[in-house]
Amino acid sequence: QLYRHGKAYRFIFGFSAVSVMYLVVVVAAQVHGWQLYYSKK
């Protein structure tokens, strides 16, 4: 909805919450992925 219509209903310090949380998800997924990889090694 944000991408198509430019409407955001939740915010975190002026940024759309979905954008901020997707950034958190991407960074956290990388951290946990590398953690699993190094743990296996």
All heavy atoms as atom14 arrays in JSON, in Angstrom:
{
  "sequence": "QLYRHGKAYRFIFGFSAVSVMYLVVVVAAQVHGWQLYYSKK",
  "atom14_mask": [
    [1, 1, 1, 1, 1, 1, 1, 1, 1, 0, 0, 0, 0, 0],
    [1, 1, 1, 1, 1, 1, 1, 1, 0, 0, 0, 0, 0, 0],
    [1, 1, 1, 1, 1, 1, 1, 1, 1, 1, 1, 1, 0, 0],
    [1, 1, 1, 1, 1, 1, 1, 1, 1, 1, 1, 0, 0, 0],
    [1, 1, 1, 1, 1, 1, 1, 1, 1, 1, 0, 0, 0, 0],
    [1, 1, 1, 1, 0, 0, 0, 0, 0, 0, 0, 0, 0, 0],
    [1, 1, 1, 1, 1, 1, 1, 1, 1, 0, 0, 0, 0, 0],
    [1, 1, 1, 1, 1, 0, 0, 0, 0, 0, 0, 0, 0, 0],
    [1, 1, 1, 1, 1, 1, 1, 1, 1, 1, 1, 1, 0, 0],
    [1, 1, 1, 1, 1, 1, 1, 1, 1, 1, 1, 0, 0, 0],
    [1, 1, 1, 1, 1, 1, 1, 1, 1, 1, 1, 0, 0, 0],
    [1, 1, 1, 1, 1, 1, 1, 1, 0, 0, 0, 0, 0, 0],
    [1, 1, 1, 1, 1, 1, 1, 1, 1, 1, 1, 0, 0, 0],
    [1, 1, 1, 1, 0, 0, 0, 0, 0, 0, 0, 0, 0, 0],
    [1, 1, 1, 1, 1, 1, 1, 1, 1, 1, 1, 0, 0, 0],
    [1, 1, 1, 1, 1, 1, 0, 0, 0, 0, 0, 0, 0, 0],
    [1, 1, 1, 1, 1, 0, 0, 0, 0, 0, 0, 0, 0, 0],
    [1, 1, 1, 1, 1, 1, 1, 0, 0, 0, 0, 0, 0, 0],
    [1, 1, 1, 1, 1, 1, 0, 0, 0, 0, 0, 0, 0, 0],
    [1, 1, 1, 1, 1, 1, 1, 0, 0, 0, 0, 0, 0, 0],
    [1, 1, 1, 1, 1, 1, 1, 1, 0, 0, 0, 0, 0, 0],
    [1, 1, 1, 1, 1, 1, 1, 1, 1, 1, 1, 1, 0, 0],
    [1, 1, 1, 1, 1, 1, 1, 1, 0, 0, 0, 0, 0, 0],
    [1, 1, 1, 1, 1, 1, 1, 0, 0, 0, 0, 0, 0, 0],
    [1, 1, 1, 1, 1, 1, 1, 0, 0, 0, 0, 0, 0, 0],
    [1, 1, 1, 1, 1, 1, 1, 0, 0, 0, 0, 0, 0, 0],
    [1, 1, 1, 1, 1, 1, 1, 0, 0, 0, 0, 0, 0, 0],
    [1, 1, 1, 1, 1, 0, 0, 0, 0, 0, 0, 0, 0, 0],
    [1, 1, 1, 1, 1, 0, 0, 0, 0, 0, 0, 0, 0, 0],
    [1, 1, 1, 1, 1, 1, 1, 1, 1, 0, 0, 0, 0, 0],
    [1, 1, 1, 1, 1, 1, 1, 0, 0, 0, 0, 0, 0, 0],
    [1, 1, 1, 1, 1, 1, 1, 1, 1, 1, 0, 0, 0, 0],
    [1, 1, 1, 1, 0, 0, 0, 0, 0, 0, 0, 0, 0, 0],
    [1, 1, 1, 1, 1, 1, 1, 1, 1, 1, 1, 1, 1, 1],
    [1, 1, 1, 1, 1, 1, 1, 1, 1, 0, 0, 0, 0, 0],
    [1, 1, 1, 1, 1, 1, 1, 1, 0, 0, 0, 0, 0, 0],
    [1, 1, 1, 1, 1, 1, 1, 1, 1, 1, 1, 1, 0, 0],
    [1, 1, 1, 1, 1, 1, 1, 1, 1, 1, 1, 1, 0, 0],
    [1, 1, 1, 1, 1, 1, 0, 0, 0, 0, 0, 0, 0, 0],
    [1, 1, 1, 1, 1, 1, 1, 1, 1, 0, 0, 0, 0, 0],
    [1, 1, 1, 1, 1, 1, 1, 1, 1, 0, 0, 0, 0, 0]
  ],
  "atom14_positions": [
    [[0.83, -1.21, 0.0], [0.0, 0.0, 0.0], [0.87, 1.26, 0.0], [0.58, 2.22, -0.7], [-0.92, 0.0, 1.22], [-1.86, 1.17, 1.26], [-2.8, 1.07, 2.45], [-2.72, 0.17, 3.26], [-3.71, 2.02, 2.54], [0.0, 0.0, 0.0], [0.0, 0.0, 0.0], [0.0, 0.0, 0.0], [0.0, 0.0, 0.0], [0.0, 0.0, 0.0]],
    [[1.94, 1.23, 0.76], [2.86, 2.37, 0.8], [3.5, 2.58, -0.58], [3.61, 3.7, -1.06], [3.94, 2.16, 1.86], [5.01, 3.23, 1.98], [4.39, 4.54, 2.45], [6.11, 2.79, 2.93], [0.0, 0.0, 0.0], [0.0, 0.0, 0.0], [0.0, 0.0, 0.0], [0.0, 0.0, 0.0], [0.0, 0.0, 0.0], [0.0, 0.0, 0.0]],
    [[3.89, 1.48, -1.21], [4.55, 1.58, -2.52], [3.57, 2.05, -3.6], [3.91, 2.89, -4.41], [5.15, 0.22, -2.89], [5.78, 0.18, -4.25], [6.97, 0.84, -4.5], [5.17, -0.51, -5.29], [7.55, 0.82, -5.75], [5.74, -0.54, -6.54], [6.94, 0.12, -6.77], [7.5, 0.09, -8.01], [0.0, 0.0, 0.0], [0.0, 0.0, 0.0]],
    [[2.38, 1.49, -3.6], [1.41, 1.81, -4.66], [0.75, 3.17, -4.48], [0.55, 3.91, -5.43], [0.33, 0.74, -4.73], [0.81, -0.54, -5.33], [-0.34, -1.49, -5.53], [0.16, -2.74, -6.12], [-0.52, -3.85, -6.12], [-1.72, -3.9, -5.58], [-0.01, -4.93, -6.68], [0.0, 0.0, 0.0], [0.0, 0.0, 0.0], [0.0, 0.0, 0.0]],
    [[0.35, 3.48, -3.25], [-0.45, 4.68, -3.01], [0.28, 5.76, -2.22], [-0.23, 6.87, -2.08], [-1.75, 4.32, -2.27], [-2.54, 3.25, -2.97], [-3.13, 3.45, -4.19], [-2.8, 1.97, -2.63], [-3.76, 2.34, -4.57], [-3.57, 1.42, -3.64], [0.0, 0.0, 0.0], [0.0, 0.0, 0.0], [0.0, 0.0, 0.0], [0.0, 0.0, 0.0]],
    [[1.43, 5.44, -1.67], [2.19, 6.41, -0.9], [1.56, 6.74, 0.44], [1.86, 7.78, 1.02], [0.0, 0.0, 0.0], [0.0, 0.0, 0.0], [0.0, 0.0, 0.0], [0.0, 0.0, 0.0], [0.0, 0.0, 0.0], [0.0, 0.0, 0.0], [0.0, 0.0, 0.0], [0.0, 0.0, 0.0], [0.0, 0.0, 0.0], [0.0, 0.0, 0.0]],
    [[0.72, 5.84, 0.95], [0.04, 6.09, 2.22], [0.6, 5.18, 3.3], [0.67, 3.97, 3.14], [-1.46, 5.84, 2.08], [-2.16, 6.83, 1.2], [-3.64, 6.58, 1.17], [-4.32, 7.58, 0.25], [-5.75, 7.34, 0.16], [0.0, 0.0, 0.0], [0.0, 0.0, 0.0], [0.0, 0.0, 0.0], [0.0, 0.0, 0.0], [0.0, 0.0, 0.0]],
    [[0.98, 5.78, 4.4], [1.44, 5.04, 5.58], [0.59, 5.49, 6.76], [0.24, 6.66, 6.89], [2.91, 5.31, 5.85], [0.0, 0.0, 0.0], [0.0, 0.0, 0.0], [0.0, 0.0, 0.0], [0.0, 0.0, 0.0], [0.0, 0.0, 0.0], [0.0, 0.0, 0.0], [0.0, 0.0, 0.0], [0.0, 0.0, 0.0], [0.0, 0.0, 0.0]],
    [[0.23, 4.54, 7.6], [-0.65, 4.84, 8.73], [0.07, 4.73, 10.07], [-0.44, 5.2, 11.07], [-1.87, 3.92, 8.71], [-2.7, 4.12, 7.46], [-2.63, 3.23, 6.41], [-3.51, 5.24, 7.33], [-3.37, 3.43, 5.27], [-4.25, 5.45, 6.19], [-4.19, 4.54, 5.16], [-4.91, 4.76, 4.01], [0.0, 0.0, 0.0], [0.0, 0.0, 0.0]],
    [[1.22, 4.1, 10.07], [2.03, 3.97, 11.29], [3.37, 4.63, 11.03], [3.95, 4.5, 9.96], [2.27, 2.5, 11.63], [1.07, 1.74, 12.07], [1.48, 0.31, 12.27], [0.54, -0.4, 13.09], [0.72, -1.62, 13.54], [1.83, -2.26, 13.26], [-0.18, -2.21, 14.27], [0.0, 0.0, 0.0], [0.0, 0.0, 0.0], [0.0, 0.0, 0.0]],
    [[3.86, 5.3, 12.07], [5.13, 6.03, 11.91], [6.05, 5.77, 13.09], [5.6, 5.52, 14.2], [4.86, 7.53, 11.78], [4.1, 7.88, 10.54], [2.72, 8.01, 10.58], [4.76, 8.07, 9.34], [2.01, 8.31, 9.43], [4.06, 8.38, 8.2], [2.68, 8.5, 8.24], [0.0, 0.0, 0.0], [0.0, 0.0, 0.0], [0.0, 0.0, 0.0]],
    [[7.33, 5.85, 12.81], [8.36, 5.8, 13.84], [9.27, 6.99, 13.58], [10.03, 7.01, 12.61], [9.15, 4.48, 13.8], [8.22, 3.3, 14.1], [10.32, 4.52, 14.78], [8.89, 1.95, 14.04], [0.0, 0.0, 0.0], [0.0, 0.0, 0.0], [0.0, 0.0, 0.0], [0.0, 0.0, 0.0], [0.0, 0.0, 0.0], [0.0, 0.0, 0.0]],
    [[9.13, 8.0, 14.4], [9.88, 9.25, 14.29], [9.81, 9.85, 12.88], [10.82, 10.25, 12.31], [11.34, 9.07, 14.73], [11.47, 8.72, 16.19], [11.92, 7.47, 16.57], [11.11, 9.62, 17.17], [12.03, 7.14, 17.91], [11.22, 9.3, 18.51], [11.68, 8.05, 18.88], [0.0, 0.0, 0.0], [0.0, 0.0, 0.0], [0.0, 0.0, 0.0]],
    [[8.64, 9.89, 12.33], [8.41, 10.52, 11.03], [8.61, 9.62, 9.82], [8.26, 9.99, 8.72], [0.0, 0.0, 0.0], [0.0, 0.0, 0.0], [0.0, 0.0, 0.0], [0.0, 0.0, 0.0], [0.0, 0.0, 0.0], [0.0, 0.0, 0.0], [0.0, 0.0, 0.0], [0.0, 0.0, 0.0], [0.0, 0.0, 0.0], [0.0, 0.0, 0.0]],
    [[9.18, 8.46, 10.0], [9.35, 7.51, 8.91], [8.23, 6.49, 8.97], [7.72, 6.18, 10.04], [10.69, 6.78, 9.02], [11.88, 7.69, 8.96], [12.55, 8.07, 10.11], [12.33, 8.17, 7.74], [13.64, 8.91, 10.06], [13.43, 9.0, 7.67], [14.08, 9.39, 8.82], [0.0, 0.0, 0.0], [0.0, 0.0, 0.0], [0.0, 0.0, 0.0]],
    [[7.86, 5.94, 7.82], [6.8, 4.94, 7.84], [7.3, 3.73, 8.62], [8.44, 3.27, 8.43], [6.38, 4.54, 6.43], [7.31, 3.67, 5.85], [0.0, 0.0, 0.0], [0.0, 0.0, 0.0], [0.0, 0.0, 0.0], [0.0, 0.0, 0.0], [0.0, 0.0, 0.0], [0.0, 0.0, 0.0], [0.0, 0.0, 0.0], [0.0, 0.0, 0.0]],
    [[6.46, 3.24, 9.51], [6.86, 2.12, 10.37], [7.18, 0.88, 9.56], [8.11, 0.14, 9.89], [5.76, 1.82, 11.38], [0.0, 0.0, 0.0], [0.0, 0.0, 0.0], [0.0, 0.0, 0.0], [0.0, 0.0, 0.0], [0.0, 0.0, 0.0], [0.0, 0.0, 0.0], [0.0, 0.0, 0.0], [0.0, 0.0, 0.0], [0.0, 0.0, 0.0]],
    [[6.45, 0.66, 8.48], [6.7, -0.54, 7.69], [8.08, -0.48, 7.04], [8.79, -1.49, 6.96], [5.55, -0.78, 6.67], [5.61, 0.21, 5.52], [5.6, -2.19, 6.14], [0.0, 0.0, 0.0], [0.0, 0.0, 0.0], [0.0, 0.0, 0.0], [0.0, 0.0, 0.0], [0.0, 0.0, 0.0], [0.0, 0.0, 0.0], [0.0, 0.0, 0.0]],
    [[8.51, 0.68, 6.61], [9.85, 0.81, 6.01], [10.94, 0.56, 7.05], [11.91, -0.15, 6.8], [10.04, 2.2, 5.41], [9.1, 2.44, 4.4], [0.0, 0.0, 0.0], [0.0, 0.0, 0.0], [0.0, 0.0, 0.0], [0.0, 0.0, 0.0], [0.0, 0.0, 0.0], [0.0, 0.0, 0.0], [0.0, 0.0, 0.0], [0.0, 0.0, 0.0]],
    [[10.77, 1.16, 8.22], [11.75, 0.99, 9.29], [11.82, -0.47, 9.73], [12.91, -1.04, 9.89], [11.42, 1.91, 10.48], [12.31, 1.61, 11.67], [11.54, 3.37, 10.08], [0.0, 0.0, 0.0], [0.0, 0.0, 0.0], [0.0, 0.0, 0.0], [0.0, 0.0, 0.0], [0.0, 0.0, 0.0], [0.0, 0.0, 0.0], [0.0, 0.0, 0.0]],
    [[10.65, -1.08, 9.87], [10.63, -2.46, 10.37], [11.14, -3.44, 9.3], [11.74, -4.45, 9.64], [9.24, -2.83, 10.86], [8.79, -2.0, 12.07], [10.05, -1.79, 13.35], [10.08, -3.4, 14.05], [0.0, 0.0, 0.0], [0.0, 0.0, 0.0], [0.0, 0.0, 0.0], [0.0, 0.0, 0.0], [0.0, 0.0, 0.0], [0.0, 0.0, 0.0]],
    [[10.9, -3.15, 8.03], [11.48, -4.0, 6.99], [13.0, -3.9, 7.01], [13.71, -4.89, 6.81], [10.95, -3.64, 5.59], [9.91, -4.62, 5.09], [8.62, -4.22, 4.87], [10.25, -5.95, 4.85], [7.66, -5.12, 4.42], [9.31, -6.85, 4.4], [8.02, -6.43, 4.19], [7.08, -7.33, 3.74], [0.0, 0.0, 0.0], [0.0, 0.0, 0.0]],
    [[13.52, -2.73, 7.27], [14.97, -2.56, 7.41], [15.49, -3.4, 8.59], [16.51, -4.08, 8.48], [15.33, -1.09, 7.6], [16.81, -0.77, 7.74], [17.57, -1.13, 6.47], [17.0, 0.69, 8.09], [0.0, 0.0, 0.0], [0.0, 0.0, 0.0], [0.0, 0.0, 0.0], [0.0, 0.0, 0.0], [0.0, 0.0, 0.0], [0.0, 0.0, 0.0]],
    [[14.76, -3.36, 9.69], [15.13, -4.16, 10.87], [15.09, -5.65, 10.52], [16.0, -6.41, 10.88], [14.2, -3.84, 12.07], [14.39, -4.85, 13.19], [14.45, -2.44, 12.57], [0.0, 0.0, 0.0], [0.0, 0.0, 0.0], [0.0, 0.0, 0.0], [0.0, 0.0, 0.0], [0.0, 0.0, 0.0], [0.0, 0.0, 0.0], [0.0, 0.0, 0.0]],
    [[14.06, -6.07, 9.8], [13.93, -7.49, 9.42], [15.1, -7.91, 8.54], [15.68, -8.98, 8.75], [12.57, -7.75, 8.72], [12.57, -9.09, 8.02], [11.43, -7.67, 9.71], [0.0, 0.0, 0.0], [0.0, 0.0, 0.0], [0.0, 0.0, 0.0], [0.0, 0.0, 0.0], [0.0, 0.0, 0.0], [0.0, 0.0, 0.0], [0.0, 0.0, 0.0]],
    [[15.46, -7.09, 7.58], [16.56, -7.44, 6.67], [17.88, -7.54, 7.44], [18.64, -8.51, 7.28], [16.66, -6.41, 5.52], [17.96, -6.56, 4.76], [15.47, -6.56, 4.59], [0.0, 0.0, 0.0], [0.0, 0.0, 0.0], [0.0, 0.0, 0.0], [0.0, 0.0, 0.0], [0.0, 0.0, 0.0], [0.0, 0.0, 0.0], [0.0, 0.0, 0.0]],
    [[18.16, -6.58, 8.29], [19.42, -6.6, 9.05], [19.42, -7.78, 10.02], [20.42, -8.51, 10.12], [19.62, -5.26, 9.8], [20.79, -5.35, 10.77], [19.84, -4.13, 8.8], [0.0, 0.0, 0.0], [0.0, 0.0, 0.0], [0.0, 0.0, 0.0], [0.0, 0.0, 0.0], [0.0, 0.0, 0.0], [0.0, 0.0, 0.0], [0.0, 0.0, 0.0]],
    [[18.32, -7.99, 10.73], [18.26, -9.1, 11.69], [18.37, -10.45, 10.99], [19.04, -11.36, 11.5], [16.96, -9.02, 12.49], [0.0, 0.0, 0.0], [0.0, 0.0, 0.0], [0.0, 0.0, 0.0], [0.0, 0.0, 0.0], [0.0, 0.0, 0.0], [0.0, 0.0, 0.0], [0.0, 0.0, 0.0], [0.0, 0.0, 0.0], [0.0, 0.0, 0.0]],
    [[17.75, -10.6, 9.83], [17.86, -11.86, 9.09], [19.3, -12.12, 8.69], [19.78, -13.27, 8.75], [16.95, -11.84, 7.87], [0.0, 0.0, 0.0], [0.0, 0.0, 0.0], [0.0, 0.0, 0.0], [0.0, 0.0, 0.0], [0.0, 0.0, 0.0], [0.0, 0.0, 0.0], [0.0, 0.0, 0.0], [0.0, 0.0, 0.0], [0.0, 0.0, 0.0]],
    [[20.02, -11.09, 8.29], [21.43, -11.27, 7.94], [22.25, -11.64, 9.17], [23.11, -12.53, 9.11], [21.98, -10.01, 7.29], [21.44, -9.77, 5.92], [22.0, -8.51, 5.29], [22.89, -7.88, 5.83], [21.48, -8.15, 4.14], [0.0, 0.0, 0.0], [0.0, 0.0, 0.0], [0.0, 0.0, 0.0], [0.0, 0.0, 0.0], [0.0, 0.0, 0.0]],
    [[21.99, -10.98, 10.27], [22.73, -11.28, 11.5], [22.5, -12.73, 11.91], [23.45, -13.47, 12.2], [22.32, -10.31, 12.64], [22.82, -10.81, 13.99], [22.85, -8.92, 12.36], [0.0, 0.0, 0.0], [0.0, 0.0, 0.0], [0.0, 0.0, 0.0], [0.0, 0.0, 0.0], [0.0, 0.0, 0.0], [0.0, 0.0, 0.0], [0.0, 0.0, 0.0]],
    [[21.24, -13.17, 11.91], [20.95, -14.55, 12.32], [21.44, -15.56, 11.29], [21.87, -16.65, 11.66], [19.46, -14.71, 12.58], [18.98, -13.91, 13.75], [19.49, -14.06, 15.01], [18.05, -12.94, 13.83], [18.89, -13.22, 15.83], [18.01, -12.52, 15.13], [0.0, 0.0, 0.0], [0.0, 0.0, 0.0], [0.0, 0.0, 0.0], [0.0, 0.0, 0.0]],
    [[21.37, -15.21, 10.02], [21.89, -16.11, 8.99], [23.38, -16.34, 9.14], [23.85, -17.48, 9.08], [0.0, 0.0, 0.0], [0.0, 0.0, 0.0], [0.0, 0.0, 0.0], [0.0, 0.0, 0.0], [0.0, 0.0, 0.0], [0.0, 0.0, 0.0], [0.0, 0.0, 0.0], [0.0, 0.0, 0.0], [0.0, 0.0, 0.0], [0.0, 0.0, 0.0]],
    [[24.13, -15.26, 9.33], [25.58, -15.4, 9.54], [25.87, -16.12, 10.85], [26.83, -16.89, 10.94], [26.27, -14.04, 9.51], [26.43, -13.51, 8.13], [25.78, -12.46, 7.56], [27.3, -14.03, 7.12], [26.19, -12.29, 6.26], [27.12, -13.25, 5.96], [28.2, -15.09, 7.07], [27.81, -13.48, 4.78], [28.9, -15.32, 5.9], [28.7, -14.53, 4.77]],
    [[25.05, -15.86, 11.85], [25.24, -16.54, 13.13], [25.06, -18.05, 12.95], [25.86, -18.84, 13.48], [24.24, -16.0, 14.15], [24.44, -16.47, 15.55], [23.45, -15.81, 16.51], [22.74, -14.88, 16.16], [23.4, -16.32, 17.72], [0.0, 0.0, 0.0], [0.0, 0.0, 0.0], [0.0, 0.0, 0.0], [0.0, 0.0, 0.0], [0.0, 0.0, 0.0]],
    [[24.05, -18.47, 12.21], [23.85, -19.9, 11.95], [25.0, -20.48, 11.13], [25.47, -21.59, 11.4], [22.52, -20.12, 11.23], [21.27, -20.01, 12.09], [20.02, -20.04, 11.22], [21.24, -21.12, 13.12], [0.0, 0.0, 0.0], [0.0, 0.0, 0.0], [0.0, 0.0, 0.0], [0.0, 0.0, 0.0], [0.0, 0.0, 0.0], [0.0, 0.0, 0.0]],
    [[25.45, -19.74, 10.12], [26.54, -20.21, 9.28], [27.82, -20.41, 10.11], [28.46, -21.47, 10.03], [26.79, -19.2, 8.14], [28.0, -19.53, 7.31], [27.96, -20.57, 6.38], [29.17, -18.8, 7.44], [29.07, -20.87, 5.61], [30.28, -19.09, 6.68], [30.22, -20.13, 5.76], [31.33, -20.43, 5.01], [0.0, 0.0, 0.0], [0.0, 0.0, 0.0]],
    [[28.19, -19.4, 10.89], [29.4, -19.52, 11.7], [29.24, -20.58, 12.79], [30.21, -21.26, 13.14], [29.77, -18.17, 12.33], [30.36, -17.18, 11.36], [29.98, -15.85, 11.39], [31.28, -17.56, 10.4], [30.51, -14.93, 10.5], [31.82, -16.66, 9.51], [31.43, -15.34, 9.57], [31.96, -14.44, 8.69], [0.0, 0.0, 0.0], [0.0, 0.0, 0.0]],
    [[28.05, -20.73, 13.32], [27.82, -21.77, 14.34], [28.01, -23.15, 13.73], [28.58, -24.05, 14.37], [26.41, -21.65, 14.92], [26.28, -20.46, 15.64], [0.0, 0.0, 0.0], [0.0, 0.0, 0.0], [0.0, 0.0, 0.0], [0.0, 0.0, 0.0], [0.0, 0.0, 0.0], [0.0, 0.0, 0.0], [0.0, 0.0, 0.0], [0.0, 0.0, 0.0]],
    [[27.54, -23.35, 12.51], [27.73, -24.64, 11.84], [29.22, -24.9, 11.6], [29.7, -26.01, 11.82], [26.96, -24.63, 10.51], [27.21, -25.84, 9.62], [26.67, -27.11, 10.25], [26.74, -28.26, 9.27], [27.8, -29.21, 9.55], [0.0, 0.0, 0.0], [0.0, 0.0, 0.0], [0.0, 0.0, 0.0], [0.0, 0.0, 0.0], [0.0, 0.0, 0.0]],
    [[29.94, -23.88, 11.16], [31.38, -24.03, 10.95], [32.08, -24.35, 12.28], [32.99, -25.17, 12.33], [31.98, -22.77, 10.34], [31.43, -22.39, 8.99], [31.98, -23.22, 7.89], [33.28, -22.64, 7.45], [33.89, -23.38, 6.37], [0.0, 0.0, 0.0], [0.0, 0.0, 0.0], [0.0, 0.0, 0.0], [0.0, 0.0, 0.0], [0.0, 0.0, 0.0]]
  ]
}
